[in-house]
Amino acid sequence: MKEMKHYIWVLIALLPGLTAYSPAHAQSKAQTLQQMQVDVVYLSSDLLAGRETGTEGEAMAAQYIASRFEALGLSPKGTDGWYQAFDFTFSTNPHAKPEDGEDRTGKNVLGFIDHGAEHTIVIGGHYDHLGMGHFGSREVHTRAIHNGADDNASGIAVMLDLAARLSGPEYTHNNYLFIAFSGEELGLYGSKYFVSHPTVELAKINYMLNFDMVGRLNDAKALAVNAAGTSPIWKKTFEKIETEIEINTHDSGIGPSDHTSFYLKDLPVLHFFSGQHDDYHKPADDSELVNYEGMYEISDLVQQLIALLDNQGKVAFSKTKDQTQTRTSFKVTLGIMPDYVSTGEGMRIDAVLDERPAAKAGLEDGDIVIKMGDLPIGGMEDYMKALGAFEKGQTITVVVKRGKKKISKKVTF
């Protein structure tokens, strides 16, 4: 632990020189990887105390991101220089009355590349996290710094890398607005505020790309790309991209991240996501576990996507059949984290949450759910539909594949 803290402080000491790198198209891959690592290590260091919205740690992170934008030659596009402040009431109790909460102010950070084009592409990700874990933590009885290296320092590092890649003279048919959102963990506060108080006209926005948890690309290089149904051009364009990444698309424009705020304004969106893991929303989500090579490959993939669409004009918007719109009607939960990047049979369990129905029934990480009650589970959509069919207190049989065996477990919701 002493060695890791020393490593963090060495990198922080090197920040002024490293953040002055020339744009990525003039950098070597090694320099780009080093810069990504610096970004993630700093943003997820104990120094920032978990980047909880409205705290000193969030303000330090915002200042760092603004300094990176400035070093890359971007222009401020907030309501106060680089920043767009928003007020909110904070409470760790989701059922608290507004008057029982604490008044706080969060801030989005916005940088702009102006090519004088008719339309603007928004590229963003959230930079806030859970602070000491007073809310949202999967270790509910632990009060420790939740550094959020993957969630979502990784997304900010990729966003910054794309700002460097796109700052050259190549892709000039669009302007680019880079937004680091705050308040995402509390309910998409920052992105909701931006679309209600935009600093560029919403009608002039071409599309929005959201990076949320892109730091754990697995050995199979499986990347979930959510909201791929929000434009008819997305999947056709993915087919033209040269990459070793396996792109697994999901259509719904509604999801638990900032792209949703833009989709609800009838804008095409994409959400890039390298998958859940057991460190999600735990203090263990640290920078040494991040796959920087994978982040570089994701950034390269997205640069190709932007290049292929650069002179295609405004991307068409499509409404999607939004699976998550039905989630509010669920009366039950299985108490697991699904594997969102798995494409095989059934619904693979990434992690079983403590003291929830799945854990009490003896389900395990890596189990593949193939049947719930009388309902076959072929994938994520079947699983979501199945949850809506059961009642609290009901006991059903869940069939899973564990290795080569099929196992039946009684689950009580």
Protein backbone atom coordinates (compact mmCIF):
# COMPACT_ATOMS: atom_id res chain seq x y z
CA MET A 1 0.00 0.00 0.00
CA LYS A 2 2.86 2.41 0.77
CA GLU A 3 4.34 1.70 -2.67
CA MET A 4 0.99 2.43 -4.39
CA LYS A 5 0.56 5.74 -2.52
CA HIS A 6 4.12 6.71 -3.46
CA TYR A 7 3.33 5.85 -7.11
CA ILE A 8 0.25 8.07 -7.05
CA TRP A 9 2.18 11.02 -5.68
CA VAL A 10 4.97 10.56 -8.25
CA LEU A 11 2.40 10.68 -11.04
CA ILE A 12 0.68 13.72 -9.54
CA ALA A 13 4.07 15.45 -9.36
CA LEU A 14 4.51 14.76 -13.08
CA LEU A 15 1.09 16.14 -14.06
CA PRO A 16 2.20 19.54 -15.40
CA GLY A 17 4.59 17.98 -17.92
CA LEU A 18 2.40 15.08 -18.93
CA THR A 19 -0.77 17.10 -19.45
CA ALA A 20 1.11 19.42 -21.79
CA TYR A 21 1.46 16.67 -24.39
CA SER A 22 0.68 17.58 -27.96
CA PRO A 23 -2.58 16.24 -29.46
CA ALA A 24 -2.93 12.46 -29.73
CA HIS A 25 -2.53 12.37 -33.51
CA ALA A 26 1.04 13.60 -32.88
CA GLN A 27 1.67 11.26 -29.92
CA SER A 28 3.01 7.76 -29.81
CA LYS A 29 0.77 5.04 -28.44
CA ALA A 30 3.05 4.81 -25.39
CA GLN A 31 2.55 8.52 -24.65
CA THR A 32 -1.22 8.19 -25.04
CA LEU A 33 -1.35 5.20 -22.70
CA GLN A 34 0.78 7.07 -20.17
CA GLN A 35 -1.53 10.09 -20.30
CA MET A 36 -4.61 7.89 -19.85
CA GLN A 37 -3.00 6.31 -16.81
CA VAL A 38 -2.12 9.70 -15.34
CA ASP A 39 -5.72 10.84 -15.79
CA VAL A 40 -7.17 7.74 -14.12
CA VAL A 41 -4.61 7.60 -11.30
CA TYR A 42 -5.16 11.24 -10.36
CA LEU A 43 -8.95 11.22 -10.59
CA SER A 44 -9.22 8.00 -8.60
CA SER A 45 -6.60 8.87 -5.98
CA ASP A 46 -7.42 9.15 -2.28
CA LEU A 47 -6.59 12.84 -2.61
CA LEU A 48 -10.01 13.40 -4.24
CA ALA A 49 -11.85 11.34 -1.59
CA GLY A 50 -14.22 9.64 -4.02
CA ARG A 51 -15.38 12.74 -5.99
CA GLU A 52 -18.79 12.97 -4.34
CA THR A 53 -20.90 15.69 -5.99
CA GLY A 54 -20.77 19.02 -4.16
CA THR A 55 -17.60 18.24 -2.21
CA GLU A 56 -14.02 19.51 -2.33
CA GLY A 57 -12.97 16.30 -4.08
CA GLU A 58 -15.43 16.95 -6.89
CA ALA A 59 -14.15 20.54 -7.20
CA MET A 60 -10.54 19.28 -7.47
CA ALA A 61 -11.54 16.81 -10.16
CA ALA A 62 -13.41 19.52 -12.07
CA GLN A 63 -10.39 21.81 -11.91
CA TYR A 64 -8.15 19.03 -13.21
CA ILE A 65 -10.46 18.29 -16.15
CA ALA A 66 -10.68 22.00 -17.01
CA SER A 67 -6.88 22.24 -16.98
CA ARG A 68 -6.68 19.25 -19.33
CA PHE A 69 -9.19 20.87 -21.69
CA GLU A 70 -7.14 24.06 -21.66
CA ALA A 71 -3.87 22.21 -22.33
CA LEU A 72 -5.51 20.52 -25.33
CA GLY A 73 -6.50 23.87 -26.80
CA LEU A 74 -10.24 23.61 -26.21
CA SER A 75 -12.41 26.65 -25.50
CA PRO A 76 -14.63 27.03 -22.40
CA LYS A 77 -18.31 26.33 -23.09
CA GLY A 78 -19.92 26.46 -19.66
CA THR A 79 -22.00 29.21 -18.15
CA ASP A 80 -19.03 30.32 -16.05
CA GLY A 81 -15.93 29.65 -18.09
CA TRP A 82 -15.32 25.91 -18.12
CA TYR A 83 -18.07 25.22 -15.58
CA GLN A 84 -21.84 24.88 -15.50
CA ALA A 85 -23.06 24.85 -11.91
CA PHE A 86 -26.33 23.27 -10.77
CA ASP A 87 -27.98 23.26 -7.35
CA PHE A 88 -29.53 20.20 -5.75
CA THR A 89 -30.59 18.80 -2.39
CA PHE A 90 -28.39 15.98 -1.14
CA SER A 91 -29.55 13.20 1.16
CA THR A 92 -28.39 9.65 1.71
CA ASN A 93 -32.05 8.74 2.28
CA PRO A 94 -33.83 8.46 -1.10
CA HIS A 95 -37.20 8.90 0.65
CA ALA A 96 -36.23 12.06 2.54
CA LYS A 97 -38.26 15.23 2.09
CA PRO A 98 -36.43 18.09 0.27
CA GLU A 99 -36.36 20.18 3.42
CA ASP A 100 -34.54 17.38 5.24
CA GLY A 101 -31.63 17.35 2.78
CA GLU A 102 -28.46 19.39 2.43
CA ASP A 103 -28.26 22.15 -0.18
CA ARG A 104 -25.31 21.56 -2.49
CA THR A 105 -23.91 22.73 -5.81
CA GLY A 106 -22.36 20.46 -8.40
CA LYS A 107 -20.71 21.44 -11.65
CA ASN A 108 -20.37 20.10 -15.17
CA VAL A 109 -17.12 20.84 -17.02
CA LEU A 110 -17.41 21.79 -20.72
CA GLY A 111 -14.78 22.22 -23.43
CA PHE A 112 -15.44 23.06 -27.09
CA ILE A 113 -13.77 22.58 -30.46
CA ASP A 114 -15.34 25.06 -32.86
CA HIS A 115 -14.99 24.29 -36.56
CA GLY A 116 -17.74 26.71 -37.52
CA ALA A 117 -19.84 23.72 -38.52
CA GLU A 118 -23.63 23.56 -38.50
CA HIS A 119 -23.81 20.67 -36.03
CA THR A 120 -22.03 19.66 -32.84
CA ILE A 121 -21.17 16.20 -31.55
CA VAL A 122 -21.38 15.84 -27.75
CA ILE A 123 -18.81 13.50 -26.19
CA GLY A 124 -19.17 12.95 -22.47
CA GLY A 125 -18.95 10.89 -19.33
CA HIS A 126 -19.52 11.49 -15.63
CA TYR A 127 -16.65 12.23 -13.27
CA ASP A 128 -18.45 12.06 -9.91
CA HIS A 129 -18.47 8.94 -7.73
CA LEU A 130 -19.62 7.75 -4.29
CA GLY A 131 -17.30 9.59 -1.91
CA MET A 132 -17.06 7.58 1.30
CA GLY A 133 -19.87 5.25 0.23
CA HIS A 134 -22.68 6.81 2.26
CA PHE A 135 -24.97 6.08 -0.72
CA GLY A 136 -24.84 3.61 -3.59
CA SER A 137 -22.10 1.41 -2.16
CA ARG A 138 -22.29 -2.36 -2.51
CA GLU A 139 -20.42 -2.58 0.80
CA VAL A 140 -23.24 -1.02 2.74
CA HIS A 141 -21.60 -1.24 6.17
CA THR A 142 -18.21 0.10 5.03
CA ARG A 143 -17.20 3.76 5.19
CA ALA A 144 -14.11 4.08 3.03
CA ILE A 145 -13.04 6.09 0.01
CA HIS A 146 -14.68 4.75 -3.14
CA ASN A 147 -12.15 5.82 -5.77
CA GLY A 148 -14.18 4.86 -8.85
CA ALA A 149 -11.28 4.21 -11.23
CA ASP A 150 -13.47 2.36 -13.72
CA ASP A 151 -16.61 4.23 -12.64
CA ASN A 152 -15.88 6.62 -14.12
CA ALA A 153 -12.33 7.95 -14.23
CA SER A 154 -11.88 5.56 -17.16
CA GLY A 155 -14.64 7.26 -19.15
CA ILE A 156 -13.17 10.71 -18.51
CA ALA A 157 -9.72 9.51 -19.64
CA VAL A 158 -11.15 8.20 -22.91
CA MET A 159 -13.13 11.42 -23.40
CA LEU A 160 -9.93 13.45 -22.90
CA ASP A 161 -8.06 11.21 -25.32
CA LEU A 162 -10.74 11.79 -27.96
CA ALA A 163 -10.49 15.54 -27.34
CA ALA A 164 -6.80 15.23 -28.20
CA ARG A 165 -7.44 13.04 -31.26
CA LEU A 166 -10.13 15.37 -32.62
CA SER A 167 -8.26 18.63 -32.04
CA GLY A 168 -6.34 18.28 -35.30
CA PRO A 169 -7.39 19.46 -38.78
CA GLU A 170 -9.08 16.22 -39.85
CA TYR A 171 -12.72 15.90 -38.78
CA THR A 172 -14.02 19.40 -39.42
CA HIS A 173 -17.59 18.79 -40.61
CA ASN A 174 -18.80 18.95 -36.98
CA ASN A 175 -17.98 20.93 -33.87
CA TYR A 176 -17.21 18.95 -30.70
CA LEU A 177 -18.53 19.63 -27.21
CA PHE A 178 -16.84 17.61 -24.44
CA ILE A 179 -18.80 17.42 -21.19
CA ALA A 180 -17.67 15.90 -17.89
CA PHE A 181 -20.95 15.50 -15.98
CA SER A 182 -21.36 15.51 -12.23
CA GLY A 183 -24.29 14.18 -10.22
CA GLU A 184 -24.69 11.04 -12.34
CA GLU A 185 -24.50 8.72 -9.35
CA LEU A 186 -27.30 10.68 -7.65
CA GLY A 187 -29.66 10.41 -10.63
CA LEU A 188 -28.17 11.97 -13.79
CA TYR A 189 -28.37 15.44 -12.22
CA GLY A 190 -25.67 17.04 -14.36
CA SER A 191 -26.81 15.74 -17.75
CA LYS A 192 -30.45 16.50 -16.96
CA TYR A 193 -29.45 20.03 -16.07
CA PHE A 194 -27.45 20.46 -19.26
CA VAL A 195 -30.24 19.39 -21.61
CA SER A 196 -32.57 21.78 -19.78
CA HIS A 197 -29.98 24.59 -19.89
CA PRO A 198 -27.86 23.79 -22.96
CA THR A 199 -24.87 25.94 -23.88
CA VAL A 200 -25.33 24.93 -27.53
CA GLU A 201 -28.74 24.63 -29.14
CA LEU A 202 -30.14 21.11 -28.76
CA ALA A 203 -31.38 21.33 -32.36
CA LYS A 204 -27.75 21.79 -33.45
CA ILE A 205 -26.53 18.65 -31.66
CA ASN A 206 -25.78 15.87 -34.13
CA TYR A 207 -25.45 12.99 -31.65
CA MET A 208 -24.11 12.20 -28.18
CA LEU A 209 -21.48 9.59 -27.22
CA ASN A 210 -21.31 8.54 -23.56
CA PHE A 211 -18.41 6.72 -21.89
CA ASP A 212 -19.32 5.13 -18.58
CA MET A 213 -17.14 2.29 -17.24
CA VAL A 214 -14.82 1.53 -20.14
CA GLY A 215 -11.80 0.47 -18.08
CA ARG A 216 -12.27 -3.28 -17.77
CA LEU A 217 -12.29 -4.62 -21.34
CA ASN A 218 -12.03 -8.38 -20.85
CA ASP A 219 -9.79 -10.94 -22.57
CA ALA A 220 -12.52 -11.63 -25.13
CA LYS A 221 -12.55 -7.88 -25.91
CA ALA A 222 -16.33 -7.79 -25.57
CA LEU A 223 -17.68 -4.24 -25.50
CA ALA A 224 -21.34 -3.41 -24.88
CA VAL A 225 -22.61 -0.54 -27.00
CA ASN A 226 -25.98 0.49 -25.64
CA ALA A 227 -28.60 2.64 -27.36
CA ALA A 228 -27.64 1.32 -30.81
CA GLY A 229 -31.31 1.49 -31.82
CA THR A 230 -31.42 5.30 -31.49
CA SER A 231 -30.32 5.76 -35.10
CA PRO A 232 -30.58 3.45 -38.13
CA ILE A 233 -27.00 4.30 -39.05
CA TRP A 234 -25.25 3.03 -35.92
CA LYS A 235 -25.12 -0.71 -36.63
CA LYS A 236 -24.33 -0.19 -40.33
CA THR A 237 -21.36 1.97 -39.36
CA PHE A 238 -20.05 -0.52 -36.78
CA GLU A 239 -19.78 -3.09 -39.58
CA LYS A 240 -17.21 -0.86 -41.32
CA ILE A 241 -14.95 -0.36 -38.32
CA GLU A 242 -11.64 -2.25 -38.24
CA THR A 243 -11.12 -3.50 -34.71
CA GLU A 244 -10.41 -6.63 -32.69
CA ILE A 245 -13.13 -5.58 -30.24
CA GLU A 246 -16.33 -7.62 -30.27
CA ILE A 247 -19.12 -5.04 -30.43
CA ASN A 248 -22.28 -6.25 -28.68
CA THR A 249 -25.13 -3.85 -29.36
CA HIS A 250 -28.27 -3.24 -27.31
CA ASP A 251 -31.02 -1.07 -28.75
CA SER A 252 -32.66 0.75 -25.83
CA GLY A 253 -32.00 4.48 -25.56
CA ILE A 254 -32.96 4.40 -21.87
CA GLY A 255 -30.32 3.31 -19.39
CA PRO A 256 -28.74 4.23 -16.05
CA SER A 257 -26.26 6.73 -17.46
CA ASP A 258 -26.06 10.23 -18.94
CA HIS A 259 -26.88 9.36 -22.56
CA THR A 260 -30.49 8.85 -21.39
CA SER A 261 -30.93 12.60 -20.79
CA PHE A 262 -30.06 13.29 -24.43
CA TYR A 263 -32.13 10.43 -25.82
CA LEU A 264 -35.19 11.83 -24.05
CA LYS A 265 -34.64 15.02 -26.08
CA ASP A 266 -34.90 12.94 -29.30
CA LEU A 267 -31.16 12.87 -29.99
CA PRO A 268 -29.22 9.83 -31.25
CA VAL A 269 -26.95 8.46 -28.53
CA LEU A 270 -24.52 5.64 -27.81
CA HIS A 271 -23.25 4.37 -24.46
CA PHE A 272 -19.92 2.49 -24.44
CA PHE A 273 -19.50 0.06 -21.53
CA SER A 274 -16.84 -2.62 -20.98
CA GLY A 275 -18.93 -4.55 -18.44
CA GLN A 276 -19.73 -5.03 -14.77
CA HIS A 277 -17.24 -6.52 -12.32
CA ASP A 278 -17.13 -7.44 -8.67
CA ASP A 279 -15.40 -4.17 -7.70
CA TYR A 280 -18.30 -2.07 -9.01
CA HIS A 281 -19.40 0.49 -6.36
CA LYS A 282 -16.85 -0.84 -3.89
CA PRO A 283 -13.70 0.75 -2.44
CA ALA A 284 -11.72 -1.80 -4.48
CA ASP A 285 -12.41 -0.07 -7.84
CA ASP A 286 -8.82 1.18 -8.09
CA SER A 287 -6.53 2.35 -10.89
CA GLU A 288 -4.15 -0.63 -10.86
CA LEU A 289 -7.03 -2.84 -12.06
CA VAL A 290 -7.81 -0.75 -15.14
CA ASN A 291 -7.07 -2.09 -18.63
CA TYR A 292 -5.42 0.90 -20.31
CA GLU A 293 -4.69 -0.98 -23.53
CA GLY A 294 -8.40 -1.75 -23.72
CA MET A 295 -9.26 1.93 -23.22
CA TYR A 296 -6.90 2.85 -26.05
CA GLU A 297 -8.63 0.35 -28.35
CA ILE A 298 -12.06 1.72 -27.41
CA SER A 299 -10.89 5.26 -28.13
CA ASP A 300 -9.52 4.11 -31.49
CA LEU A 301 -12.82 2.40 -32.33
CA VAL A 302 -14.78 5.58 -31.57
CA GLN A 303 -12.39 7.73 -33.56
CA GLN A 304 -13.11 5.48 -36.56
CA LEU A 305 -16.85 5.80 -35.93
CA ILE A 306 -16.63 9.59 -35.93
CA ALA A 307 -14.46 9.59 -39.05
CA LEU A 308 -16.89 7.37 -40.96
CA LEU A 309 -19.78 9.71 -40.12
CA ASP A 310 -17.86 12.98 -40.43
CA ASN A 311 -19.25 14.10 -43.78
CA GLN A 312 -22.61 12.30 -43.57
CA GLY A 313 -24.56 15.28 -42.22
CA LYS A 314 -26.99 15.03 -39.31
CA VAL A 315 -27.52 11.52 -37.99
CA ALA A 316 -31.16 10.39 -38.07
CA PHE A 317 -32.91 9.70 -34.75
CA SER A 318 -35.02 6.63 -33.95
CA LYS A 319 -37.10 5.93 -30.88
CA THR A 320 -36.48 2.55 -29.30
CA LYS A 321 -38.46 0.00 -27.39
CA ASP A 322 -37.08 0.93 -24.03
CA GLN A 323 -36.69 -2.13 -21.85
CA THR A 324 -35.95 -0.13 -18.71
CA GLN A 325 -39.23 1.79 -18.91
CA THR A 326 -40.91 -1.25 -17.37
CA ARG A 327 -38.44 -1.56 -14.50
CA THR A 328 -40.35 0.76 -12.23
CA SER A 329 -43.19 -1.78 -12.21
CA PHE A 330 -40.99 -4.61 -10.92
CA LYS A 331 -42.08 -5.79 -7.51
CA VAL A 332 -39.08 -8.12 -7.10
CA THR A 333 -35.33 -8.30 -7.59
CA LEU A 334 -33.08 -11.32 -7.93
CA GLY A 335 -30.18 -9.46 -6.32
CA ILE A 336 -27.51 -9.98 -8.95
CA MET A 337 -25.40 -7.97 -11.37
CA PRO A 338 -25.95 -9.24 -14.91
CA ASP A 339 -23.08 -9.67 -17.36
CA TYR A 340 -24.04 -7.06 -19.95
CA VAL A 341 -21.34 -8.04 -22.44
CA SER A 342 -22.05 -11.79 -22.53
CA THR A 343 -23.63 -12.99 -25.78
CA GLY A 344 -23.98 -16.69 -25.05
CA GLU A 345 -26.95 -18.74 -23.93
CA GLY A 346 -29.08 -17.40 -21.08
CA MET A 347 -28.26 -14.52 -18.74
CA ARG A 348 -24.83 -14.79 -17.10
CA ILE A 349 -24.47 -13.56 -13.51
CA ASP A 350 -21.44 -11.31 -13.04
CA ALA A 351 -21.89 -10.96 -9.28
CA VAL A 352 -24.34 -12.14 -6.61
CA LEU A 353 -25.16 -9.43 -4.08
CA ASP A 354 -24.94 -10.28 -0.38
CA GLU A 355 -28.12 -11.09 1.55
CA ARG A 356 -30.35 -10.89 -1.55
CA PRO A 357 -32.64 -13.63 -2.94
CA ALA A 358 -30.01 -15.08 -5.29
CA ALA A 359 -27.40 -15.30 -2.53
CA LYS A 360 -29.84 -16.90 -0.08
CA ALA A 361 -30.77 -19.46 -2.73
CA GLY A 362 -27.15 -20.42 -3.35
CA LEU A 363 -26.66 -18.90 -6.80
CA GLU A 364 -23.04 -18.03 -7.59
CA ASP A 365 -20.99 -15.62 -9.69
CA GLY A 366 -20.69 -17.04 -13.19
CA ASP A 367 -23.95 -19.01 -13.10
CA ILE A 368 -25.95 -18.72 -16.32
CA VAL A 369 -29.69 -18.37 -15.73
CA ILE A 370 -31.64 -20.34 -18.35
CA LYS A 371 -35.06 -20.60 -16.71
CA MET A 372 -37.09 -18.70 -14.08
CA GLY A 373 -40.27 -20.47 -13.05
CA ASP A 374 -41.86 -21.62 -16.30
CA LEU A 375 -40.15 -18.88 -18.34
CA PRO A 376 -37.12 -19.73 -20.50
CA ILE A 377 -34.30 -17.16 -20.31
CA GLY A 378 -32.48 -16.76 -23.59
CA GLY A 379 -30.78 -13.48 -22.73
CA MET A 380 -31.04 -10.12 -21.00
CA GLU A 381 -34.39 -9.14 -22.51
CA ASP A 382 -36.02 -12.41 -21.39
CA TYR A 383 -34.59 -11.88 -17.89
CA MET A 384 -36.03 -8.36 -17.67
CA LYS A 385 -39.44 -9.54 -18.84
CA ALA A 386 -39.37 -12.42 -16.36
CA LEU A 387 -38.80 -10.10 -13.39
CA GLY A 388 -42.06 -8.36 -14.20
CA ALA A 389 -43.96 -11.64 -13.90
CA PHE A 390 -43.30 -12.37 -10.22
CA GLU A 391 -44.59 -11.02 -6.90
CA LYS A 392 -42.84 -10.22 -3.63
CA GLY A 393 -42.88 -13.28 -1.36
CA GLN A 394 -43.31 -15.70 -4.28
CA THR A 395 -41.00 -18.72 -4.48
CA ILE A 396 -39.92 -20.00 -7.89
CA THR A 397 -37.42 -22.48 -9.28
CA VAL A 398 -34.46 -20.92 -11.07
CA VAL A 399 -32.44 -23.18 -13.36
CA VAL A 400 -28.81 -22.24 -14.02
CA LYS A 401 -25.88 -23.71 -15.90
CA ARG A 402 -22.81 -23.99 -13.69
CA GLY A 403 -20.00 -25.29 -15.82
CA LYS A 404 -21.43 -28.30 -17.64
CA LYS A 405 -24.12 -28.97 -15.02
CA LYS A 406 -27.70 -27.73 -14.83
CA ILE A 407 -28.69 -26.81 -11.27
CA SER A 408 -32.12 -25.92 -9.88
CA LYS A 409 -32.47 -23.53 -6.95
CA LYS A 410 -35.52 -22.31 -5.04
CA VAL A 411 -35.57 -18.51 -4.97
CA THR A 412 -37.92 -16.53 -2.74
CA PHE A 413 -38.39 -12.90 -3.68
